[in-house]
């Protein structure tokens, strides 16, 4: 083995953790190496080895040559909430919100919603887990219901995932008060407020959290981590992940379950035979919300979802407008793409459905768009010849109903990813 594993001190919403180990210490797999000082989650080593370096941002551990699956177990706790804190469980779907905080709520007449949507195309590790082990997800819902005193649980999953749904249906009768809600295959159906709207036919305001609808929403893998922490006293030291794109073993996605956190992404790509020739970028995350990564320094974290190697960006050395959507890439990411395409940015406009909440863009009604014709006209007046957009399925549909009529080409920021894996482009519904 003999790899160096990197553990970022901030793999969660909140503040960076404080290291509780020193350079030169030997640590065991599962040992706590950093603790939160405020909102956050404990960090545990996924390998046995030697602490090589500690900085303000990370801990580096040189892994022992020989590793095994054993780990240091978390201490016994009196509540499910405390178990989640000790295990360092956070939202594994990408948000990274500490789970023990969510489970501190009391919603006696409320719902636990299992977010099994796997919203981002290409990513498929959540669905693979459900297909292989539906029991661990249903158990997780039951434990979460117990923690917050909820009387009902709902499995929210895209209707297209028929094999996963069949796996759940085979055993769901063993779990009282848990039902399945099948959702349409549009982006961003996995967004919490979109799920709540689909289930209850009501929109939460952008400032509201699911708890205001008497709900706690937990991702598939988060639920599995709750079960492992309760039944096996296992901390979060492994992560499920999808690797796909321009790889030597083909563009079909590769699912890896229980990868040690801190594993270099370069090593995950090598497990797929390496990169197939020239490439554009290595995207960390999903096509819509992922960011360009660093092949040499990025590692698997508690919130990693995907590693996607893409084809090169097309060259477009002309004037473009950037249409920023709260459900997709932000302005910085769109500028990054424009730069890689050789384009000149002449205008940047927010989707008309955006609200800025404490510096963060939030969509008023994620997945449902009021139309973008007025913005397309503004881009035309600014001299743009093409738009680079980051919109959801419905917003993209409305852009395509107006921009081409004005002579504006449209490039969706996911295009290079979807062309890599032969996925349908985000254009018209």
Protein backbone atom coordinates (compact mmCIF):
# COMPACT_ATOMS: atom_id res chain seq x y z
CA UNK A 1 0.00 0.00 0.00
CA UNK A 2 2.29 2.75 1.31
CA UNK A 3 0.15 5.68 0.07
CA UNK A 4 -0.09 9.07 1.72
CA UNK A 5 -3.70 9.76 2.68
CA UNK A 6 -4.92 13.33 3.05
CA UNK A 7 -7.67 14.23 5.51
CA UNK A 8 -9.06 17.75 4.95
CA UNK A 9 -10.02 19.34 8.27
CA UNK A 10 -13.27 20.64 6.78
CA UNK A 11 -15.36 17.88 5.19
CA UNK A 12 -18.64 19.30 6.44
CA UNK A 13 -20.78 22.40 6.85
CA UNK A 14 -19.38 24.52 9.69
CA UNK A 15 -15.85 25.27 10.81
CA UNK A 16 -12.65 23.30 10.27
CA UNK A 17 -11.83 20.66 12.87
CA UNK A 18 -8.93 20.85 15.33
CA UNK A 19 -6.27 18.10 15.03
CA UNK A 20 -5.82 15.97 18.16
CA UNK A 21 -2.77 14.07 16.88
CA UNK A 22 0.81 15.19 16.40
CA UNK A 23 3.40 14.70 13.67
CA UNK A 24 5.13 11.37 14.25
CA UNK A 25 2.15 9.74 16.01
CA UNK A 26 1.09 6.27 14.93
CA UNK A 27 -2.64 5.96 14.39
CA UNK A 28 -5.02 3.09 13.79
CA UNK A 29 -7.82 2.82 11.26
CA UNK A 30 -10.93 4.33 12.84
CA UNK A 31 -9.03 6.47 15.35
CA UNK A 32 -10.34 10.02 15.81
CA UNK A 33 -7.72 12.48 14.55
CA UNK A 34 -9.62 15.80 14.62
CA UNK A 35 -12.62 17.23 16.48
CA UNK A 36 -15.02 20.09 15.78
CA UNK A 37 -14.87 23.39 17.64
CA UNK A 38 -18.40 24.52 16.83
CA UNK A 39 -20.62 23.23 14.04
CA UNK A 40 -18.85 20.29 12.44
CA UNK A 41 -18.12 16.57 12.65
CA UNK A 42 -15.33 14.41 13.99
CA UNK A 43 -12.72 13.11 11.56
CA UNK A 44 -11.28 9.61 11.83
CA UNK A 45 -8.34 8.02 10.05
CA UNK A 46 -9.32 5.49 7.40
CA UNK A 47 -5.91 3.82 7.56
CA UNK A 48 -3.33 2.69 10.08
CA UNK A 49 -0.08 4.57 9.71
CA UNK A 50 2.16 7.47 10.68
CA UNK A 51 1.10 11.11 10.93
CA UNK A 52 3.42 12.74 8.43
CA UNK A 53 2.23 16.35 8.29
CA UNK A 54 -0.35 18.66 9.89
CA UNK A 55 -1.39 22.01 8.44
CA UNK A 56 -4.22 24.48 8.89
CA UNK A 57 -6.20 22.62 6.24
CA UNK A 58 -5.34 18.93 6.46
CA UNK A 59 -3.61 15.98 8.09
CA UNK A 60 -1.37 13.69 6.01
CA UNK A 61 -0.95 10.07 7.09
CA UNK A 62 1.58 7.66 5.60
CA UNK A 63 -0.32 4.37 5.45
CA UNK A 64 1.28 1.18 6.71
CA UNK A 65 2.26 -1.32 4.05
CA UNK A 66 -0.32 -3.82 5.29
CA UNK A 67 -3.87 -2.75 6.08
CA UNK A 68 -6.96 -4.67 7.19
CA UNK A 69 -10.66 -4.01 7.59
CA UNK A 70 -10.57 -3.77 11.39
CA UNK A 71 -11.09 -0.36 12.95
CA UNK A 72 -11.23 1.42 16.29
CA UNK A 73 -14.88 1.40 17.34
CA UNK A 74 -16.64 4.51 18.55
CA UNK A 75 -17.67 4.60 22.19
CA UNK A 76 -21.10 3.36 23.25
CA UNK A 77 -23.70 6.13 23.43
CA UNK A 78 -27.10 6.67 25.00
CA UNK A 79 -28.80 8.19 21.95
CA UNK A 80 -28.78 7.86 18.18
CA UNK A 81 -27.91 11.54 17.90
CA UNK A 82 -24.80 11.02 20.04
CA UNK A 83 -23.83 7.94 18.00
CA UNK A 84 -23.91 10.09 14.85
CA UNK A 85 -21.74 12.73 16.51
CA UNK A 86 -19.15 10.19 17.68
CA UNK A 87 -19.07 8.57 14.22
CA UNK A 88 -18.61 11.90 12.43
CA UNK A 89 -21.61 11.37 10.16
CA UNK A 90 -22.44 14.16 7.70
CA UNK A 91 -24.64 14.43 4.64
CA UNK A 92 -22.88 12.11 2.20
CA UNK A 93 -24.76 13.45 -0.81
CA UNK A 94 -22.50 16.49 -1.07
CA UNK A 95 -23.94 19.03 1.37
CA UNK A 96 -22.03 17.70 4.38
CA UNK A 97 -24.40 18.97 7.06
CA UNK A 98 -23.67 17.25 10.40
CA UNK A 99 -26.28 14.51 10.88
CA UNK A 100 -26.35 14.71 14.66
CA UNK A 101 -27.72 18.25 14.36
CA UNK A 102 -30.57 17.11 12.09
CA UNK A 103 -31.43 14.28 14.48
CA UNK A 104 -31.62 16.64 17.44
CA UNK A 105 -35.11 17.67 16.25
CA UNK A 106 -38.35 16.32 17.68
CA UNK A 107 -41.02 15.88 14.98
CA UNK A 108 -43.59 13.53 16.48
CA UNK A 109 -46.06 14.10 13.63
CA UNK A 110 -43.39 14.43 10.97
CA UNK A 111 -41.47 12.46 8.38
CA UNK A 112 -38.04 11.08 7.72
CA UNK A 113 -37.45 11.34 3.98
CA UNK A 114 -34.77 9.12 2.49
CA UNK A 115 -33.26 11.05 -0.42
CA UNK A 116 -32.55 8.10 -2.71
CA UNK A 117 -32.96 10.21 -5.83
CA UNK A 118 -29.27 10.27 -6.84
CA UNK A 119 -30.04 13.54 -8.57
CA UNK A 120 -26.88 13.99 -10.66
CA UNK A 121 -26.64 12.00 -13.92
CA UNK A 122 -23.65 9.62 -14.25
CA UNK A 123 -23.42 9.07 -10.48
CA UNK A 124 -24.83 5.67 -9.59
CA UNK A 125 -23.30 4.48 -6.29
CA UNK A 126 -26.41 5.27 -4.23
CA UNK A 127 -28.64 3.24 -6.52
CA UNK A 128 -26.10 0.41 -6.57
CA UNK A 129 -26.16 0.33 -2.77
CA UNK A 130 -29.97 0.14 -2.73
CA UNK A 131 -29.97 -2.65 -5.31
CA UNK A 132 -27.43 -4.66 -3.34
CA UNK A 133 -28.50 -3.87 0.21
CA UNK A 134 -31.98 -2.28 0.49
CA UNK A 135 -32.22 -3.42 4.11
CA UNK A 136 -29.49 -1.04 5.28
CA UNK A 137 -31.37 1.96 3.85
CA UNK A 138 -34.71 0.93 5.38
CA UNK A 139 -32.99 0.27 8.71
CA UNK A 140 -31.44 3.72 8.51
CA UNK A 141 -34.87 5.29 8.00
CA UNK A 142 -36.22 3.38 10.99
CA UNK A 143 -33.35 4.48 13.24
CA UNK A 144 -33.75 8.09 12.11
CA UNK A 145 -37.51 7.92 12.78
CA UNK A 146 -36.73 6.68 16.27
CA UNK A 147 -34.23 9.49 16.84
CA UNK A 148 -36.66 12.31 15.99
CA UNK A 149 -39.83 10.47 17.07
CA UNK A 150 -41.26 10.65 13.54
CA UNK A 151 -44.21 8.38 12.82
CA UNK A 152 -43.60 8.01 9.09
CA UNK A 153 -40.79 7.43 6.63
CA UNK A 154 -40.73 7.99 2.87
CA UNK A 155 -38.25 6.63 0.35
CA UNK A 156 -37.95 9.25 -2.42
CA UNK A 157 -36.50 7.63 -5.55
CA UNK A 158 -36.65 8.23 -9.30
CA UNK A 159 -39.22 6.03 -11.02
CA UNK A 160 -36.63 5.00 -13.63
CA UNK A 161 -34.62 3.04 -11.01
CA UNK A 162 -36.85 0.00 -11.30
CA UNK A 163 -34.33 -2.56 -10.04
CA UNK A 164 -33.64 -0.55 -6.90
CA UNK A 165 -37.37 -0.02 -6.32
CA UNK A 166 -38.00 -3.74 -6.73
CA UNK A 167 -35.27 -4.47 -4.16
CA UNK A 168 -36.96 -2.13 -1.68
CA UNK A 169 -40.45 -3.47 -2.38
CA UNK A 170 -39.37 -7.03 -1.61
CA UNK A 171 -38.68 -6.21 2.03
CA UNK A 172 -40.51 -2.96 2.79
CA UNK A 173 -43.44 -4.86 4.33
CA UNK A 174 -41.06 -5.68 7.18
CA UNK A 175 -40.89 -1.98 8.00
CA UNK A 176 -44.08 -0.37 9.26
CA UNK A 177 -44.91 3.21 8.34
CA UNK A 178 -42.33 3.46 5.51
CA UNK A 179 -43.58 4.03 1.97
CA UNK A 180 -42.00 4.65 -1.45
CA UNK A 181 -42.57 7.82 -3.47
CA UNK A 182 -41.56 7.56 -7.14
CA UNK A 183 -40.27 10.79 -8.68
CA UNK A 184 -39.77 11.98 -12.29
CA UNK A 185 -36.33 11.88 -13.89
CA UNK A 186 -35.53 15.58 -14.06
CA UNK A 187 -32.79 17.68 -12.53
CA UNK A 188 -32.73 18.86 -9.69
CA UNK A 189 -35.31 16.45 -8.30
CA UNK A 190 -32.91 15.49 -5.49
CA UNK A 191 -32.91 19.02 -4.04
CA UNK A 192 -34.62 18.90 -0.63
CA UNK A 193 -37.30 21.49 -1.37
CA UNK A 194 -38.01 19.87 -4.76
CA UNK A 195 -38.56 16.51 -3.05
CA UNK A 196 -40.85 18.04 -0.44
CA UNK A 197 -42.84 19.79 -3.18
CA UNK A 198 -43.21 16.56 -5.12
CA UNK A 199 -44.39 14.65 -2.04
CA UNK A 200 -46.58 17.25 -0.32
CA UNK A 201 -47.38 19.65 -3.19
CA UNK A 202 -46.10 22.67 -1.27
CA UNK A 203 -43.09 24.91 -1.80
CA UNK A 204 -40.88 25.90 1.07
CA UNK A 205 -39.45 29.41 0.81
CA UNK A 206 -35.74 29.59 -0.12
CA UNK A 207 -35.07 30.67 3.47
CA UNK A 208 -36.87 27.65 4.94
CA UNK A 209 -35.38 24.29 5.87
CA UNK A 210 -37.17 20.90 5.60
CA UNK A 211 -37.78 20.94 9.35
CA UNK A 212 -40.33 23.72 8.71
CA UNK A 213 -42.32 21.15 6.73
CA UNK A 214 -41.99 18.75 9.68
CA UNK A 215 -39.41 16.72 7.72
CA UNK A 216 -35.82 15.58 8.09
CA UNK A 217 -34.18 14.61 4.78
CA UNK A 218 -31.24 12.19 4.77
CA UNK A 219 -29.22 10.85 1.84
CA UNK A 220 -29.01 7.12 1.02
CA UNK A 221 -25.40 6.70 2.12
CA UNK A 222 -25.94 8.84 5.21
CA UNK A 223 -28.66 6.41 6.30
CA UNK A 224 -26.30 3.48 5.73
CA UNK A 225 -23.64 5.21 7.83
CA UNK A 226 -26.16 5.62 10.67
CA UNK A 227 -26.81 1.87 10.63
CA UNK A 228 -23.09 1.03 10.64
CA UNK A 229 -22.46 3.43 13.50
CA UNK A 230 -25.29 2.02 15.61
CA UNK A 231 -24.87 -1.68 14.89
CA UNK A 232 -21.11 -1.93 14.26
CA UNK A 233 -19.89 1.20 16.09
CA UNK A 234 -18.14 2.18 12.88
CA UNK A 235 -17.05 5.79 12.28
CA UNK A 236 -17.23 7.36 8.83
CA UNK A 237 -13.94 6.20 7.36
CA UNK A 238 -15.10 4.86 3.99
CA UNK A 239 -17.02 6.43 1.10
CA UNK A 240 -19.03 5.13 -1.83
CA UNK A 241 -18.09 6.82 -5.11
CA UNK A 242 -18.63 6.70 -8.88
CA UNK A 243 -15.71 7.04 -11.30
CA UNK A 244 -16.46 7.54 -14.99
CA UNK A 245 -15.65 9.32 -18.22
CA UNK A 246 -12.61 9.13 -20.49
CA UNK A 247 -11.05 6.04 -18.94
CA UNK A 248 -9.04 3.15 -20.29
CA UNK A 249 -11.76 0.69 -19.29
CA UNK A 250 -14.45 2.63 -21.15
CA UNK A 251 -16.79 5.54 -20.45
CA UNK A 252 -19.30 3.50 -18.44
CA UNK A 253 -19.42 4.46 -14.78
CA UNK A 254 -17.45 2.40 -12.23
CA UNK A 255 -18.99 2.08 -8.77
CA UNK A 256 -16.69 1.64 -5.78
CA UNK A 257 -18.28 0.96 -2.41
CA UNK A 258 -16.40 1.71 0.80
CA UNK A 259 -13.29 3.47 -0.46
CA UNK A 260 -11.06 4.71 2.41
CA UNK A 261 -11.50 8.45 2.91
CA UNK A 262 -8.30 10.29 2.02
CA UNK A 263 -7.57 8.05 -0.98
CA UNK A 264 -6.01 10.10 -3.83
CA UNK A 265 -8.41 10.52 -6.76
CA UNK A 266 -5.49 9.66 -9.03
CA UNK A 267 -5.44 6.21 -7.43
CA UNK A 268 -9.19 5.77 -8.09
CA UNK A 269 -8.67 6.65 -11.75
CA UNK A 270 -5.81 4.13 -11.94
CA UNK A 271 -8.21 1.46 -10.66
CA UNK A 272 -10.13 2.06 -13.89
CA UNK A 273 -7.03 1.63 -16.04
CA UNK A 274 -6.05 5.30 -16.06
CA UNK A 275 -7.06 8.16 -18.36
CA UNK A 276 -7.63 7.30 -22.02
CA UNK A 277 -5.37 9.73 -23.89
CA UNK A 278 -5.89 13.49 -23.93
CA UNK A 279 -8.62 14.89 -21.70
CA UNK A 280 -10.28 18.14 -20.74
CA UNK A 281 -10.61 18.15 -16.95
CA UNK A 282 -11.15 15.91 -13.97
CA UNK A 283 -14.51 16.84 -12.50
CA UNK A 284 -15.03 16.20 -8.78
CA UNK A 285 -18.73 15.69 -8.07
CA UNK A 286 -21.57 15.42 -10.53
CA UNK A 287 -21.99 17.05 -13.96
CA UNK A 288 -24.20 19.89 -12.65
CA UNK A 289 -22.58 20.87 -9.36
CA UNK A 290 -19.08 19.38 -9.65
CA UNK A 291 -15.91 21.46 -9.88
CA UNK A 292 -12.67 21.02 -11.78
CA UNK A 293 -10.30 19.03 -9.58
CA UNK A 294 -6.56 18.67 -9.21
CA UNK A 295 -5.36 15.25 -10.30
CA UNK A 296 -2.30 15.46 -8.08
CA UNK A 297 -3.76 16.76 -4.81
CA UNK A 298 -7.49 15.98 -4.52
CA UNK A 299 -8.68 13.04 -2.44
CA UNK A 300 -11.87 11.19 -1.60
CA UNK A 301 -13.72 12.99 1.23
CA UNK A 302 -16.88 12.36 3.24
CA UNK A 303 -18.90 14.28 0.65
CA UNK A 304 -17.26 13.08 -2.58
CA UNK A 305 -19.77 11.79 -5.08
CA UNK A 306 -18.04 11.39 -8.40
CA UNK A 307 -14.77 11.54 -10.28
CA UNK A 308 -15.40 12.18 -13.98
CA UNK A 309 -12.65 12.55 -16.59
CA UNK A 310 -13.97 14.58 -19.52
CA UNK A 311 -13.16 15.20 -23.14
CA UNK A 312 -11.59 18.55 -24.02
CA UNK A 313 -13.74 21.69 -24.17
CA UNK A 314 -14.67 22.96 -27.63
CA UNK A 315 -13.00 26.21 -28.66
CA UNK A 316 -15.29 29.22 -29.05
CA UNK A 317 -13.30 32.41 -29.36
CA UNK A 318 -16.21 34.83 -29.42
CA UNK A 319 -18.45 36.79 -27.06
CA UNK A 320 -20.56 34.84 -24.58
CA UNK A 321 -23.07 35.53 -21.84
CA UNK A 322 -23.19 33.54 -18.62
CA UNK A 323 -26.59 32.56 -17.20
CA UNK A 324 -26.12 31.58 -13.57
CA UNK A 325 -28.60 29.16 -11.99
CA UNK A 326 -28.84 28.29 -8.29
CA UNK A 327 -29.28 24.61 -9.19
CA UNK A 328 -26.05 24.32 -11.18
CA UNK A 329 -22.68 25.98 -11.67
CA UNK A 330 -22.00 29.34 -10.03
CA UNK A 331 -20.47 32.33 -11.79
CA UNK A 332 -16.92 31.27 -10.91
CA UNK A 333 -17.40 27.85 -12.49
CA UNK A 334 -19.01 29.32 -15.61
CA UNK A 335 -16.11 31.77 -15.99
CA UNK A 336 -13.73 28.82 -15.65
CA UNK A 337 -15.52 27.06 -18.50
CA UNK A 338 -15.60 30.21 -20.66
CA UNK A 339 -11.86 30.62 -20.12
CA UNK A 340 -11.19 26.99 -21.11
CA UNK A 341 -13.24 27.55 -24.27
CA UNK A 342 -11.32 30.73 -25.12
CA UNK A 343 -14.48 32.85 -24.91
CA UNK A 344 -14.90 36.52 -24.00
CA UNK A 345 -17.52 37.09 -21.31
CA UNK A 346 -19.60 40.19 -22.09
CA UNK A 347 -22.51 39.72 -19.66
CA UNK A 348 -23.37 37.73 -16.54
CA UNK A 349 -26.99 37.46 -15.41
CA UNK A 350 -28.71 35.40 -12.71
CA UNK A 351 -31.64 33.13 -13.54
CA UNK A 352 -34.84 35.06 -12.76
CA UNK A 353 -35.73 32.38 -10.19
CA UNK A 354 -32.68 33.07 -7.98
CA UNK A 355 -32.84 34.58 -4.52
CA UNK A 356 -29.63 35.47 -2.73
CA UNK A 357 -29.83 34.26 0.85
CA UNK A 358 -26.93 35.33 3.06
CA UNK A 359 -24.54 35.30 0.11
CA UNK A 360 -25.74 31.98 -1.31
CA UNK A 361 -27.90 31.55 -4.41
CA UNK A 362 -31.17 29.70 -3.79
CA UNK A 363 -33.83 28.78 -6.34
CA UNK A 364 -37.39 29.84 -5.54
CA UNK A 365 -38.91 26.70 -7.08
CA UNK A 366 -36.12 24.23 -7.99
CA UNK A 367 -37.02 22.27 -11.12
CA UNK A 368 -39.89 24.59 -12.12
CA UNK A 369 -39.00 27.65 -14.20
CA UNK A 370 -41.06 30.76 -15.07
CA UNK A 371 -39.21 31.44 -18.33
CA UNK A 372 -35.96 33.11 -19.48
CA UNK A 373 -36.93 35.05 -22.63
CA UNK A 374 -36.28 38.49 -21.10
CA UNK A 375 -32.77 37.45 -20.04
CA UNK A 376 -32.00 36.05 -23.48
CA UNK A 377 -32.88 39.46 -24.95
CA UNK A 378 -30.54 41.18 -22.46
CA UNK A 379 -27.68 38.90 -23.51
CA UNK A 380 -28.39 39.69 -27.16
CA UNK A 381 -28.25 43.43 -26.47
CA UNK A 382 -24.93 42.98 -24.62
CA UNK A 383 -23.39 41.53 -27.80
CA UNK A 384 -23.27 37.87 -26.80
CA UNK A 385 -23.19 35.38 -29.65
CA UNK A 386 -23.64 32.35 -27.41
CA UNK A 387 -24.86 31.60 -23.90
CA UNK A 388 -23.14 29.34 -21.39
CA UNK A 389 -25.86 28.22 -19.02
CA UNK A 390 -25.99 26.17 -15.84
CA UNK A 391 -29.74 25.71 -15.61
CA UNK A 392 -31.86 22.82 -14.41
CA UNK A 393 -33.92 20.72 -16.83
CA UNK A 394 -36.95 23.03 -16.93
CA UNK A 395 -34.95 26.29 -17.01
CA UNK A 396 -32.83 24.92 -19.87
CA UNK A 397 -36.04 24.09 -21.69
CA UNK A 398 -37.21 27.70 -21.40
CA UNK A 399 -33.82 29.02 -22.58
CA UNK A 400 -34.08 26.81 -25.66
CA UNK A 401 -37.53 28.23 -26.36
CA UNK A 402 -36.10 31.74 -26.67
CA UNK A 403 -32.33 31.98 -27.23
CA UNK A 404 -32.10 30.22 -30.63
CA UNK A 405 -34.89 32.45 -31.98
CA UNK A 406 -32.63 35.42 -31.20
CA UNK A 407 -29.69 33.81 -32.99
CA UNK A 408 -27.94 32.86 -29.74
CA UNK A 409 -26.18 29.52 -29.53
CA UNK A 410 -26.46 27.62 -26.25
CA UNK A 411 -23.75 25.67 -24.47
CA UNK A 412 -24.78 23.98 -21.23
CA UNK A 413 -21.94 23.68 -18.73
CA UNK A 414 -22.58 19.91 -18.56
CA UNK A 415 -22.16 19.41 -22.32
CA UNK A 416 -18.52 18.27 -22.26
CA UNK A 417 -19.34 15.80 -19.48
CA UNK A 418 -22.40 14.35 -21.17
CA UNK A 419 -20.66 14.08 -24.53
CA UNK A 420 -17.90 12.11 -22.81
CA UNK A 421 -20.33 9.48 -21.53
CA UNK A 422 -22.83 9.59 -24.45
CA UNK A 423 -25.58 11.05 -22.25
CA UNK A 424 -28.41 13.13 -23.68
CA UNK A 425 -27.57 16.84 -23.53
CA UNK A 426 -29.53 19.24 -21.31
CA UNK A 427 -31.62 21.05 -23.88
CA UNK A 428 -35.35 20.46 -24.32
CA UNK A 429 -37.52 18.37 -22.02
